[in-house]
Amino acid sequence: MSMIKRILGLLFIAGNDGLAPSYLKNKLNLDDHTLKEVIHSIQLLLAQSENSPVELAKYNQVYKLVTKKELFEDVKDFAQDPYNQELSQAAIETLAIIAYRQPITRLAIEEIRGVASQNMIQKLLLRDLVKEVGRVKGPGRPILYGVSDYFLDYFGLESMAELPSIEPLALNAELASEELFRTKEWQIELFDQDKEKEETETWNDSKK
């Protein structure tokens, strides 16, 4: 199996979280020079293919597959139409988890739901209901998600304090208390969009 195929496969699975160069080097046993060569080959392969809708980009020291710029309007028209498209049950479920557990990673969301959630998260991002709020300072630097200001407008809330209590949600009570809300301490970088800077804080992986 070619190294190009392996890296493309990992990037596809990682989705919007992307993969750090350090992860790829350790996972695939590559040195800096070899990784750069393979990444360059992938970029050329995708860029030169007229039928490929994606390209390989590097944002914030993370490689990820992104939609090509010429498809922006198509993607925008499809995804950012909250008035004509109702939220699916899967989208509502994912959104509720993010709202009650923010900041939260994609893997934590999938652990709670029990299914892959990358597509749902992407749709919620494109509809401006959730946003990236930071990154875990650990292997792969996974993205942390939280709800947006538009989330409050969409559901007619003045603040997050108006969210109903967690008990009425259709979650397994024992799993929720013992497994989903256990405490893990991570170092994270939270994006402060108002002040246009990053602050380093400790993330408590449970909502106290």
N, C-alpha and C. Protein backbone atom coordinates (compact mmCIF):
# COMPACT_ATOMS: atom_id res chain seq x y z
N MET A 1 0.84 -1.19 0.00
CA MET A 1 0.00 0.00 0.00
C MET A 1 0.88 1.25 0.00
N SER A 2 0.57 2.21 -0.86
CA SER A 2 1.41 3.40 -0.98
C SER A 2 1.24 4.31 0.22
N MET A 3 2.28 5.09 0.51
CA MET A 3 2.23 6.03 1.63
C MET A 3 1.21 7.12 1.35
N ILE A 4 1.04 7.50 0.08
CA ILE A 4 0.03 8.51 -0.27
C ILE A 4 -1.36 8.03 0.13
N LYS A 5 -1.67 6.78 -0.19
CA LYS A 5 -2.98 6.23 0.15
C LYS A 5 -3.18 6.16 1.66
N ARG A 6 -2.13 5.78 2.38
CA ARG A 6 -2.26 5.67 3.84
C ARG A 6 -2.52 7.03 4.49
N ILE A 7 -1.79 8.04 4.04
CA ILE A 7 -1.98 9.38 4.62
C ILE A 7 -3.34 9.94 4.24
N LEU A 8 -3.76 9.74 2.99
CA LEU A 8 -5.08 10.20 2.58
C LEU A 8 -6.17 9.52 3.41
N GLY A 9 -6.00 8.23 3.67
CA GLY A 9 -6.97 7.50 4.49
C GLY A 9 -7.06 8.05 5.90
N LEU A 10 -5.91 8.35 6.50
CA LEU A 10 -5.90 8.91 7.85
C LEU A 10 -6.51 10.31 7.88
N LEU A 11 -6.21 11.11 6.86
CA LEU A 11 -6.78 12.46 6.79
C LEU A 11 -8.28 12.42 6.61
N PHE A 12 -8.76 11.47 5.83
CA PHE A 12 -10.20 11.33 5.61
C PHE A 12 -10.90 10.98 6.93
N ILE A 13 -10.32 10.05 7.68
CA ILE A 13 -10.91 9.64 8.96
C ILE A 13 -10.85 10.79 9.97
N ALA A 14 -9.76 11.55 9.96
CA ALA A 14 -9.60 12.65 10.92
C ALA A 14 -10.60 13.77 10.66
N GLY A 15 -11.03 13.92 9.40
CA GLY A 15 -12.01 14.95 9.08
C GLY A 15 -11.52 16.35 9.37
N ASN A 16 -12.39 17.17 9.92
CA ASN A 16 -12.06 18.57 10.15
C ASN A 16 -11.03 18.77 11.26
N ASP A 17 -10.82 17.75 12.09
CA ASP A 17 -9.80 17.86 13.13
C ASP A 17 -8.41 17.92 12.52
N GLY A 18 -8.24 17.23 11.39
CA GLY A 18 -6.93 17.20 10.76
C GLY A 18 -5.92 16.38 11.56
N LEU A 19 -4.69 16.35 11.07
CA LEU A 19 -3.63 15.59 11.72
C LEU A 19 -2.36 16.42 11.79
N ALA A 20 -1.71 16.41 12.93
CA ALA A 20 -0.45 17.12 13.10
C ALA A 20 0.69 16.34 12.43
N PRO A 21 1.71 17.04 11.91
CA PRO A 21 2.85 16.36 11.30
C PRO A 21 3.50 15.36 12.25
N SER A 22 3.57 15.71 13.53
CA SER A 22 4.19 14.81 14.50
C SER A 22 3.44 13.48 14.60
N TYR A 23 2.11 13.54 14.48
CA TYR A 23 1.31 12.31 14.54
C TYR A 23 1.62 11.43 13.33
N LEU A 24 1.65 12.04 12.14
CA LEU A 24 1.91 11.28 10.92
C LEU A 24 3.30 10.65 10.95
N LYS A 25 4.28 11.41 11.43
CA LYS A 25 5.65 10.88 11.49
C LYS A 25 5.73 9.70 12.45
N ASN A 26 5.10 9.82 13.61
CA ASN A 26 5.16 8.74 14.59
C ASN A 26 4.33 7.53 14.15
N LYS A 27 3.15 7.80 13.61
CA LYS A 27 2.24 6.72 13.22
C LYS A 27 2.79 5.92 12.05
N LEU A 28 3.40 6.61 11.08
CA LEU A 28 3.87 5.96 9.85
C LEU A 28 5.37 5.78 9.80
N ASN A 29 6.05 6.15 10.88
CA ASN A 29 7.51 5.99 10.98
C ASN A 29 8.22 6.72 9.84
N LEU A 30 7.92 8.01 9.71
CA LEU A 30 8.51 8.83 8.65
C LEU A 30 9.41 9.91 9.24
N ASP A 31 10.45 10.28 8.51
CA ASP A 31 11.26 11.41 8.93
C ASP A 31 10.70 12.68 8.29
N ASP A 32 11.22 13.83 8.68
CA ASP A 32 10.70 15.11 8.19
C ASP A 32 10.75 15.21 6.67
N HIS A 33 11.87 14.84 6.09
CA HIS A 33 12.05 14.97 4.65
C HIS A 33 11.05 14.11 3.88
N THR A 34 10.90 12.86 4.30
CA THR A 34 9.98 11.95 3.61
C THR A 34 8.54 12.43 3.73
N LEU A 35 8.16 12.88 4.92
CA LEU A 35 6.79 13.36 5.11
C LEU A 35 6.51 14.56 4.21
N LYS A 36 7.45 15.49 4.13
CA LYS A 36 7.26 16.66 3.29
C LYS A 36 7.11 16.27 1.82
N GLU A 37 7.87 15.29 1.39
CA GLU A 37 7.79 14.83 0.00
C GLU A 37 6.42 14.21 -0.29
N VAL A 38 5.95 13.38 0.63
CA VAL A 38 4.64 12.73 0.43
C VAL A 38 3.52 13.75 0.46
N ILE A 39 3.60 14.69 1.39
CA ILE A 39 2.58 15.74 1.48
C ILE A 39 2.55 16.56 0.20
N HIS A 40 3.72 16.89 -0.32
CA HIS A 40 3.79 17.65 -1.56
C HIS A 40 3.18 16.87 -2.72
N SER A 41 3.44 15.57 -2.76
CA SER A 41 2.88 14.72 -3.81
C SER A 41 1.35 14.68 -3.73
N ILE A 42 0.83 14.60 -2.52
CA ILE A 42 -0.63 14.59 -2.33
C ILE A 42 -1.23 15.92 -2.78
N GLN A 43 -0.58 17.01 -2.40
CA GLN A 43 -1.08 18.33 -2.79
C GLN A 43 -1.14 18.48 -4.31
N LEU A 44 -0.10 18.02 -4.99
CA LEU A 44 -0.09 18.08 -6.46
C LEU A 44 -1.16 17.17 -7.05
N LEU A 45 -1.29 15.97 -6.51
CA LEU A 45 -2.26 15.01 -7.01
C LEU A 45 -3.68 15.57 -6.95
N LEU A 46 -4.03 16.14 -5.82
CA LEU A 46 -5.37 16.68 -5.64
C LEU A 46 -5.59 17.97 -6.43
N ALA A 47 -4.56 18.81 -6.47
CA ALA A 47 -4.69 20.09 -7.17
C ALA A 47 -4.83 19.91 -8.67
N GLN A 48 -4.14 18.90 -9.22
CA GLN A 48 -4.15 18.69 -10.65
C GLN A 48 -5.32 17.85 -11.14
N SER A 49 -6.04 17.25 -10.21
CA SER A 49 -7.19 16.43 -10.59
C SER A 49 -8.44 17.30 -10.73
N GLU A 50 -8.99 17.36 -11.93
CA GLU A 50 -10.18 18.16 -12.16
C GLU A 50 -11.41 17.58 -11.46
N ASN A 51 -11.37 16.30 -11.16
CA ASN A 51 -12.52 15.63 -10.55
C ASN A 51 -12.43 15.53 -9.03
N SER A 52 -11.34 16.02 -8.45
CA SER A 52 -11.22 15.98 -6.99
C SER A 52 -11.85 17.23 -6.38
N PRO A 53 -12.81 17.07 -5.48
CA PRO A 53 -13.45 18.22 -4.85
C PRO A 53 -12.66 18.78 -3.67
N VAL A 54 -11.59 18.09 -3.27
CA VAL A 54 -10.84 18.50 -2.07
C VAL A 54 -9.39 18.77 -2.41
N GLU A 55 -8.73 19.49 -1.51
CA GLU A 55 -7.30 19.74 -1.59
C GLU A 55 -6.71 19.59 -0.20
N LEU A 56 -5.40 19.43 -0.14
CA LEU A 56 -4.72 19.27 1.15
C LEU A 56 -4.17 20.61 1.60
N ALA A 57 -4.60 21.04 2.78
CA ALA A 57 -4.17 22.33 3.31
C ALA A 57 -3.56 22.14 4.70
N LYS A 58 -2.84 23.15 5.15
CA LYS A 58 -2.25 23.13 6.48
C LYS A 58 -2.68 24.38 7.22
N TYR A 59 -3.45 24.18 8.29
CA TYR A 59 -3.93 25.28 9.11
C TYR A 59 -3.51 25.05 10.55
N ASN A 60 -2.92 26.08 11.15
CA ASN A 60 -2.54 26.00 12.57
C ASN A 60 -1.71 24.75 12.86
N GLN A 61 -0.74 24.49 11.96
CA GLN A 61 0.18 23.36 12.13
C GLN A 61 -0.50 22.00 12.04
N VAL A 62 -1.64 21.94 11.35
CA VAL A 62 -2.38 20.69 11.19
C VAL A 62 -2.76 20.51 9.73
N TYR A 63 -2.53 19.31 9.18
CA TYR A 63 -2.93 19.00 7.82
C TYR A 63 -4.39 18.52 7.81
N LYS A 64 -5.16 18.99 6.82
CA LYS A 64 -6.53 18.52 6.70
C LYS A 64 -6.99 18.62 5.24
N LEU A 65 -7.96 17.78 4.90
CA LEU A 65 -8.58 17.84 3.58
C LEU A 65 -9.71 18.86 3.62
N VAL A 66 -9.70 19.80 2.69
CA VAL A 66 -10.72 20.85 2.65
C VAL A 66 -11.31 20.93 1.25
N THR A 67 -12.52 21.43 1.15
CA THR A 67 -13.18 21.60 -0.14
C THR A 67 -12.47 22.68 -0.94
N LYS A 68 -12.30 22.44 -2.23
CA LYS A 68 -11.64 23.42 -3.09
C LYS A 68 -12.44 24.72 -3.13
N LYS A 69 -11.71 25.83 -3.29
CA LYS A 69 -12.32 27.15 -3.21
C LYS A 69 -13.41 27.36 -4.26
N GLU A 70 -13.26 26.75 -5.44
CA GLU A 70 -14.25 26.98 -6.49
C GLU A 70 -15.61 26.36 -6.16
N LEU A 71 -15.65 25.49 -5.13
CA LEU A 71 -16.92 24.88 -4.73
C LEU A 71 -17.56 25.60 -3.55
N PHE A 72 -16.98 26.71 -3.15
CA PHE A 72 -17.45 27.42 -1.96
C PHE A 72 -18.94 27.75 -2.04
N GLU A 73 -19.39 28.31 -3.13
CA GLU A 73 -20.79 28.72 -3.24
C GLU A 73 -21.73 27.52 -3.17
N ASP A 74 -21.34 26.40 -3.80
CA ASP A 74 -22.17 25.20 -3.75
C ASP A 74 -22.32 24.69 -2.32
N VAL A 75 -21.18 24.63 -1.63
CA VAL A 75 -21.19 24.15 -0.25
C VAL A 75 -21.99 25.10 0.64
N LYS A 76 -21.79 26.39 0.45
CA LYS A 76 -22.49 27.38 1.26
C LYS A 76 -23.99 27.31 1.05
N ASP A 77 -24.42 27.23 -0.22
CA ASP A 77 -25.85 27.18 -0.51
C ASP A 77 -26.50 25.94 0.07
N PHE A 78 -25.76 24.83 0.04
CA PHE A 78 -26.32 23.58 0.55
C PHE A 78 -26.42 23.56 2.07
N ALA A 79 -25.36 24.01 2.72
CA ALA A 79 -25.26 23.84 4.17
C ALA A 79 -25.85 24.98 4.98
N GLN A 80 -25.72 26.21 4.52
CA GLN A 80 -26.14 27.35 5.34
C GLN A 80 -27.54 27.81 4.96
N ASP A 81 -28.50 26.93 5.14
CA ASP A 81 -29.88 27.27 4.86
C ASP A 81 -30.77 26.75 5.97
N PRO A 82 -30.62 27.28 7.18
CA PRO A 82 -31.38 26.78 8.32
C PRO A 82 -32.88 27.02 8.21
N TYR A 83 -33.29 27.94 7.36
CA TYR A 83 -34.72 28.26 7.26
C TYR A 83 -35.47 27.28 6.38
N ASN A 84 -34.76 26.62 5.47
CA ASN A 84 -35.40 25.67 4.57
C ASN A 84 -35.13 24.22 4.95
N GLN A 85 -34.21 24.00 5.86
CA GLN A 85 -33.87 22.65 6.27
C GLN A 85 -34.04 22.50 7.77
N GLU A 86 -34.83 21.53 8.17
CA GLU A 86 -34.97 21.26 9.59
C GLU A 86 -33.77 20.45 10.07
N LEU A 87 -33.44 20.62 11.31
CA LEU A 87 -32.35 19.83 11.88
C LEU A 87 -32.81 18.39 12.04
N SER A 88 -31.98 17.47 11.60
CA SER A 88 -32.30 16.05 11.76
C SER A 88 -32.15 15.65 13.22
N GLN A 89 -32.69 14.47 13.56
CA GLN A 89 -32.56 13.98 14.93
C GLN A 89 -31.10 13.81 15.31
N ALA A 90 -30.29 13.33 14.35
CA ALA A 90 -28.86 13.14 14.62
C ALA A 90 -28.17 14.48 14.87
N ALA A 91 -28.57 15.52 14.10
CA ALA A 91 -27.98 16.84 14.27
C ALA A 91 -28.36 17.43 15.63
N ILE A 92 -29.63 17.28 16.01
CA ILE A 92 -30.10 17.80 17.30
C ILE A 92 -29.37 17.09 18.45
N GLU A 93 -29.20 15.79 18.31
CA GLU A 93 -28.50 15.01 19.34
C GLU A 93 -27.06 15.49 19.49
N THR A 94 -26.38 15.67 18.36
CA THR A 94 -25.00 16.14 18.38
C THR A 94 -24.91 17.55 18.96
N LEU A 95 -25.83 18.41 18.56
CA LEU A 95 -25.85 19.79 19.04
C LEU A 95 -26.08 19.85 20.53
N ALA A 96 -26.98 18.99 21.04
CA ALA A 96 -27.27 18.97 22.48
C ALA A 96 -26.03 18.55 23.27
N ILE A 97 -25.30 17.56 22.77
CA ILE A 97 -24.09 17.11 23.45
C ILE A 97 -23.06 18.24 23.52
N ILE A 98 -22.89 18.95 22.40
CA ILE A 98 -21.94 20.06 22.38
C ILE A 98 -22.37 21.16 23.34
N ALA A 99 -23.67 21.48 23.33
CA ALA A 99 -24.18 22.55 24.19
C ALA A 99 -23.96 22.26 25.66
N TYR A 100 -24.21 21.02 26.08
CA TYR A 100 -24.10 20.67 27.50
C TYR A 100 -22.70 20.30 27.94
N ARG A 101 -21.84 19.89 26.97
CA ARG A 101 -20.52 19.41 27.33
C ARG A 101 -19.39 20.32 26.89
N GLN A 102 -19.68 21.45 26.26
CA GLN A 102 -18.63 22.31 25.72
C GLN A 102 -17.67 22.81 26.81
N PRO A 103 -16.36 22.93 26.45
CA PRO A 103 -15.75 22.57 25.18
C PRO A 103 -15.55 21.06 25.10
N ILE A 104 -15.75 20.49 23.90
CA ILE A 104 -15.71 19.04 23.76
C ILE A 104 -15.09 18.66 22.42
N THR A 105 -14.39 17.56 22.37
CA THR A 105 -13.75 17.10 21.14
C THR A 105 -14.70 16.20 20.34
N ARG A 106 -14.36 16.01 19.08
CA ARG A 106 -15.17 15.12 18.23
C ARG A 106 -15.19 13.70 18.79
N LEU A 107 -14.04 13.21 19.26
CA LEU A 107 -13.98 11.84 19.77
C LEU A 107 -14.86 11.67 21.01
N ALA A 108 -14.92 12.71 21.84
CA ALA A 108 -15.78 12.63 23.02
C ALA A 108 -17.25 12.61 22.61
N ILE A 109 -17.60 13.38 21.59
CA ILE A 109 -18.97 13.37 21.07
C ILE A 109 -19.33 11.99 20.55
N GLU A 110 -18.40 11.38 19.80
CA GLU A 110 -18.65 10.06 19.23
C GLU A 110 -18.72 9.00 20.31
N GLU A 111 -17.98 9.19 21.39
CA GLU A 111 -18.05 8.25 22.51
C GLU A 111 -19.44 8.27 23.13
N ILE A 112 -20.00 9.45 23.24
CA ILE A 112 -21.33 9.58 23.83
C ILE A 112 -22.40 9.04 22.90
N ARG A 113 -22.32 9.41 21.61
CA ARG A 113 -23.34 8.99 20.64
C ARG A 113 -23.19 7.53 20.22
N GLY A 114 -21.97 7.04 20.23
CA GLY A 114 -21.74 5.67 19.82
C GLY A 114 -21.63 5.49 18.32
N VAL A 115 -21.60 6.60 17.57
CA VAL A 115 -21.47 6.55 16.11
C VAL A 115 -20.56 7.69 15.65
N ALA A 116 -20.05 7.57 14.42
CA ALA A 116 -19.23 8.63 13.84
C ALA A 116 -20.05 9.91 13.72
N SER A 117 -19.44 11.05 14.06
CA SER A 117 -20.19 12.30 14.11
C SER A 117 -19.55 13.42 13.30
N GLN A 118 -18.51 13.11 12.53
CA GLN A 118 -17.82 14.16 11.79
C GLN A 118 -18.74 14.90 10.85
N ASN A 119 -19.59 14.17 10.10
CA ASN A 119 -20.49 14.81 9.16
C ASN A 119 -21.48 15.73 9.86
N MET A 120 -22.01 15.28 11.00
CA MET A 120 -22.96 16.11 11.75
C MET A 120 -22.30 17.38 12.26
N ILE A 121 -21.08 17.25 12.77
CA ILE A 121 -20.37 18.42 13.27
C ILE A 121 -20.11 19.40 12.14
N GLN A 122 -19.71 18.87 10.98
CA GLN A 122 -19.43 19.74 9.83
C GLN A 122 -20.69 20.50 9.41
N LYS A 123 -21.83 19.83 9.40
CA LYS A 123 -23.08 20.50 9.02
C LYS A 123 -23.44 21.58 10.03
N LEU A 124 -23.22 21.30 11.31
CA LEU A 124 -23.52 22.29 12.35
C LEU A 124 -22.57 23.48 12.25
N LEU A 125 -21.32 23.23 11.88
CA LEU A 125 -20.35 24.32 11.68
C LEU A 125 -20.78 25.20 10.52
N LEU A 126 -21.17 24.57 9.41
CA LEU A 126 -21.54 25.32 8.23
C LEU A 126 -22.84 26.11 8.44
N ARG A 127 -23.67 25.64 9.34
CA ARG A 127 -24.91 26.36 9.64
C ARG A 127 -24.72 27.34 10.80
N ASP A 128 -23.48 27.48 11.25
CA ASP A 128 -23.10 28.47 12.25
C ASP A 128 -23.76 28.22 13.61
N LEU A 129 -24.12 26.98 13.90
CA LEU A 129 -24.70 26.65 15.19
C LEU A 129 -23.63 26.28 16.20
N VAL A 130 -22.50 25.79 15.72
CA VAL A 130 -21.36 25.51 16.60
C VAL A 130 -20.12 26.14 16.00
N LYS A 131 -19.06 26.19 16.79
CA LYS A 131 -17.81 26.80 16.34
C LYS A 131 -16.63 26.12 17.02
N GLU A 132 -15.46 26.31 16.45
CA GLU A 132 -14.23 25.83 17.07
C GLU A 132 -13.82 26.82 18.15
N VAL A 133 -13.63 26.34 19.37
CA VAL A 133 -13.31 27.24 20.48
C VAL A 133 -11.90 27.05 21.02
N GLY A 134 -11.20 26.02 20.54
CA GLY A 134 -9.84 25.80 21.03
C GLY A 134 -9.31 24.46 20.58
N ARG A 135 -8.16 24.08 21.14
CA ARG A 135 -7.55 22.79 20.84
C ARG A 135 -6.95 22.20 22.11
N VAL A 136 -7.02 20.89 22.22
CA VAL A 136 -6.37 20.20 23.33
C VAL A 136 -4.87 20.19 23.09
N LYS A 137 -4.09 20.51 24.10
CA LYS A 137 -2.64 20.50 23.97
C LYS A 137 -2.13 19.09 24.26
N GLY A 138 -2.39 18.20 23.28
CA GLY A 138 -1.99 16.82 23.41
C GLY A 138 -1.78 16.22 22.04
N PRO A 139 -1.60 14.90 21.95
CA PRO A 139 -1.35 14.23 20.66
C PRO A 139 -2.43 14.57 19.63
N GLY A 140 -2.00 15.06 18.47
CA GLY A 140 -2.93 15.39 17.41
C GLY A 140 -3.62 16.72 17.55
N ARG A 141 -3.51 17.37 18.72
CA ARG A 141 -4.15 18.65 18.99
C ARG A 141 -5.60 18.69 18.50
N PRO A 142 -6.47 17.79 19.02
CA PRO A 142 -7.86 17.75 18.56
C PRO A 142 -8.60 19.06 18.84
N ILE A 143 -9.53 19.37 17.95
CA ILE A 143 -10.32 20.60 18.06
C ILE A 143 -11.35 20.48 19.18
N LEU A 144 -11.57 21.58 19.88
CA LEU A 144 -12.64 21.67 20.87
C LEU A 144 -13.79 22.47 20.27
N TYR A 145 -15.00 21.95 20.45
CA TYR A 145 -16.18 22.60 19.89
C TYR A 145 -17.08 23.17 20.99
N GLY A 146 -17.76 24.27 20.64
CA GLY A 146 -18.75 24.87 21.50
C GLY A 146 -19.85 25.46 20.64
N VAL A 147 -20.94 25.89 21.26
CA VAL A 147 -22.03 26.48 20.48
C VAL A 147 -21.72 27.95 20.17
N SER A 148 -22.36 28.46 19.12
CA SER A 148 -22.14 29.83 18.67
C SER A 148 -23.21 30.76 19.24
N ASP A 149 -23.04 32.06 18.99
CA ASP A 149 -24.06 33.02 19.39
C ASP A 149 -25.36 32.78 18.62
N TYR A 150 -25.20 32.34 17.35
CA TYR A 150 -26.40 32.07 16.55
C TYR A 150 -27.22 30.93 17.12
N PHE A 151 -26.57 30.01 17.85
CA PHE A 151 -27.28 28.92 18.53
C PHE A 151 -28.36 29.48 19.45
N LEU A 152 -28.00 30.53 20.20
CA LEU A 152 -28.96 31.14 21.10
C LEU A 152 -30.13 31.76 20.33
N ASP A 153 -29.81 32.45 19.23
CA ASP A 153 -30.87 33.06 18.42
C ASP A 153 -31.77 31.99 17.81
N TYR A 154 -31.16 30.93 17.32
CA TYR A 154 -31.91 29.87 16.63
C TYR A 154 -32.95 29.24 17.55
N PHE A 155 -32.59 29.06 18.83
CA PHE A 155 -33.49 28.41 19.78
C PHE A 155 -34.20 29.41 20.69
N GLY A 156 -34.04 30.71 20.42
CA GLY A 156 -34.75 31.72 21.19
C GLY A 156 -34.30 31.82 22.63
N LEU A 157 -33.00 31.66 22.87
CA LEU A 157 -32.47 31.73 24.23
C LEU A 157 -31.73 33.04 24.43
N GLU A 158 -31.83 33.60 25.62
CA GLU A 158 -31.07 34.81 25.94
C GLU A 158 -29.67 34.47 26.42
N SER A 159 -29.53 33.32 27.05
CA SER A 159 -28.22 32.89 27.53
C SER A 159 -28.23 31.37 27.69
N MET A 160 -27.04 30.80 27.89
CA MET A 160 -26.93 29.36 28.08
C MET A 160 -27.60 28.91 29.38
N ALA A 161 -27.79 29.85 30.30
CA ALA A 161 -28.44 29.50 31.57
C ALA A 161 -29.89 29.07 31.37
N GLU A 162 -30.47 29.41 30.22
CA GLU A 162 -31.85 29.05 29.95
C GLU A 162 -32.01 27.64 29.39
N LEU A 163 -30.90 26.95 29.15
CA LEU A 163 -31.00 25.56 28.72
C LEU A 163 -31.68 24.73 29.80
N PRO A 164 -32.54 23.79 29.42
CA PRO A 164 -33.17 22.92 30.43
C PRO A 164 -32.13 22.05 31.11
N SER A 165 -32.47 21.51 32.27
CA SER A 165 -31.54 20.66 33.00
C SER A 165 -31.25 19.41 32.19
N ILE A 166 -30.13 18.77 32.49
CA ILE A 166 -29.67 17.63 31.71
C ILE A 166 -30.53 16.40 31.94
N GLU A 167 -31.22 16.28 33.08
CA GLU A 167 -31.94 15.07 33.42
C GLU A 167 -33.00 14.66 32.41
N PRO A 168 -33.78 15.59 31.82
CA PRO A 168 -34.82 15.16 30.88
C PRO A 168 -34.30 14.61 29.57
N LEU A 169 -33.00 14.79 29.27
CA LEU A 169 -32.48 14.29 28.00
C LEU A 169 -32.50 12.77 27.99
N ALA A 170 -32.69 12.22 26.80
CA ALA A 170 -32.78 10.76 26.65
C ALA A 170 -31.40 10.14 26.65
N LEU A 171 -30.75 10.16 27.81
CA LEU A 171 -29.44 9.55 27.97
C LEU A 171 -29.52 8.50 29.07
N ASN A 172 -28.74 7.47 28.92
CA ASN A 172 -28.68 6.46 29.95
C ASN A 172 -28.11 7.09 31.22
N ALA A 173 -28.88 7.12 32.29
CA ALA A 173 -28.49 7.84 33.50
C ALA A 173 -27.19 7.33 34.09
N GLU A 174 -27.04 5.99 34.17
CA GLU A 174 -25.83 5.42 34.75
C GLU A 174 -24.62 5.75 33.90
N LEU A 175 -24.76 5.62 32.57
CA LEU A 175 -23.66 5.93 31.66
C LEU A 175 -23.30 7.40 31.74
N ALA A 176 -24.34 8.26 31.82
CA ALA A 176 -24.09 9.69 31.85
C ALA A 176 -23.32 10.10 33.10
N SER A 177 -23.67 9.52 34.23
CA SER A 177 -23.05 9.95 35.48
C SER A 177 -21.67 9.34 35.68
N GLU A 178 -21.51 8.09 35.29
CA GLU A 178 -20.26 7.40 35.61
C GLU A 178 -19.25 7.42 34.47
N GLU A 179 -19.73 7.45 33.24
CA GLU A 179 -18.83 7.31 32.11
C GLU A 179 -18.64 8.61 31.33
N LEU A 180 -19.74 9.27 30.99
CA LEU A 180 -19.65 10.42 30.11
C LEU A 180 -19.15 11.68 30.81
N PHE A 181 -19.45 11.80 32.08
CA PHE A 181 -19.11 13.02 32.78
C PHE A 181 -17.97 12.83 33.77
N ARG A 182 -17.14 11.84 33.51
CA ARG A 182 -15.98 11.66 34.37
C ARG A 182 -14.99 12.81 34.14
N THR A 183 -14.17 13.08 35.10
CA THR A 183 -13.25 14.21 35.02
C THR A 183 -11.91 13.80 34.44
N LYS A 184 -11.45 14.57 33.45
CA LYS A 184 -10.10 14.41 32.90
C LYS A 184 -9.50 15.80 32.77
N GLU A 185 -8.29 15.98 33.22
CA GLU A 185 -7.63 17.27 33.12
C GLU A 185 -6.74 17.30 31.89
N TRP A 186 -6.95 18.29 31.03
CA TRP A 186 -6.12 18.48 29.84
C TRP A 186 -5.69 19.94 29.79
N GLN A 187 -4.53 20.19 29.20
CA GLN A 187 -4.13 21.54 28.90
C GLN A 187 -4.69 21.90 27.53
N ILE A 188 -5.34 23.03 27.43
CA ILE A 188 -5.96 23.41 26.16
C ILE A 188 -5.60 24.83 25.80
N GLU A 189 -5.81 25.16 24.54
CA GLU A 189 -5.70 26.53 24.05
C GLU A 189 -7.09 26.96 23.60
N LEU A 190 -7.66 27.95 24.27
CA LEU A 190 -8.97 28.46 23.90
C LEU A 190 -8.80 29.68 23.03
N PHE A 191 -9.58 29.76 21.96
CA PHE A 191 -9.52 30.91 21.07
C PHE A 191 -10.38 32.02 21.63
N ASP A 192 -9.77 33.19 21.86
CA ASP A 192 -10.52 34.35 22.32
C ASP A 192 -10.75 35.24 21.11
N GLN A 193 -11.90 35.12 20.46
CA GLN A 193 -12.15 35.85 19.23
C GLN A 193 -12.37 37.34 19.48
N ASP A 194 -12.86 37.69 20.66
CA ASP A 194 -13.13 39.10 20.95
C ASP A 194 -11.83 39.88 21.10
N LYS A 195 -10.85 39.27 21.75
CA LYS A 195 -9.58 39.96 22.00
C LYS A 195 -8.52 39.57 20.97
N GLU A 196 -8.89 38.65 20.10
CA GLU A 196 -7.99 38.20 19.03
C GLU A 196 -6.68 37.69 19.59
N LYS A 197 -6.79 36.81 20.56
CA LYS A 197 -5.60 36.19 21.12
C LYS A 197 -5.97 34.82 21.65
N GLU A 198 -4.94 34.04 22.00
CA GLU A 198 -5.18 32.73 22.56
C GLU A 198 -4.78 32.73 24.02
N GLU A 199 -5.59 32.09 24.84
CA GLU A 199 -5.29 31.96 26.25
C GLU A 199 -5.16 30.49 26.58
N THR A 200 -4.22 30.16 27.43
CA THR A 200 -4.03 28.78 27.84
C THR A 200 -4.73 28.56 29.17
N GLU A 201 -5.62 27.54 29.18
CA GLU A 201 -6.37 27.24 30.38
C GLU A 201 -6.37 25.73 30.61
N THR A 202 -6.85 25.33 31.76
CA THR A 202 -7.03 23.91 32.04
C THR A 202 -8.46 23.55 31.74
N TRP A 203 -8.61 22.48 30.92
CA TRP A 203 -9.95 22.03 30.54
C TRP A 203 -10.40 20.94 31.46
N ASN A 204 -11.54 21.12 32.10
CA ASN A 204 -12.16 20.07 32.91
C ASN A 204 -13.14 19.34 32.02
N ASP A 205 -12.87 18.08 31.72
CA ASP A 205 -13.65 17.31 30.74
C ASP A 205 -15.02 16.91 31.28
N SER A 206 -15.38 17.41 32.49
CA SER A 206 -16.72 17.15 32.99
C SER A 206 -17.37 18.47 33.35
N LYS A 207 -18.68 18.49 33.30
CA LYS A 207 -19.41 19.71 33.66
C LYS A 207 -19.82 19.59 35.11
N LYS A 208 -19.24 20.44 35.93
CA LYS A 208 -19.50 20.32 37.39
C LYS A 208 -20.83 20.97 37.73
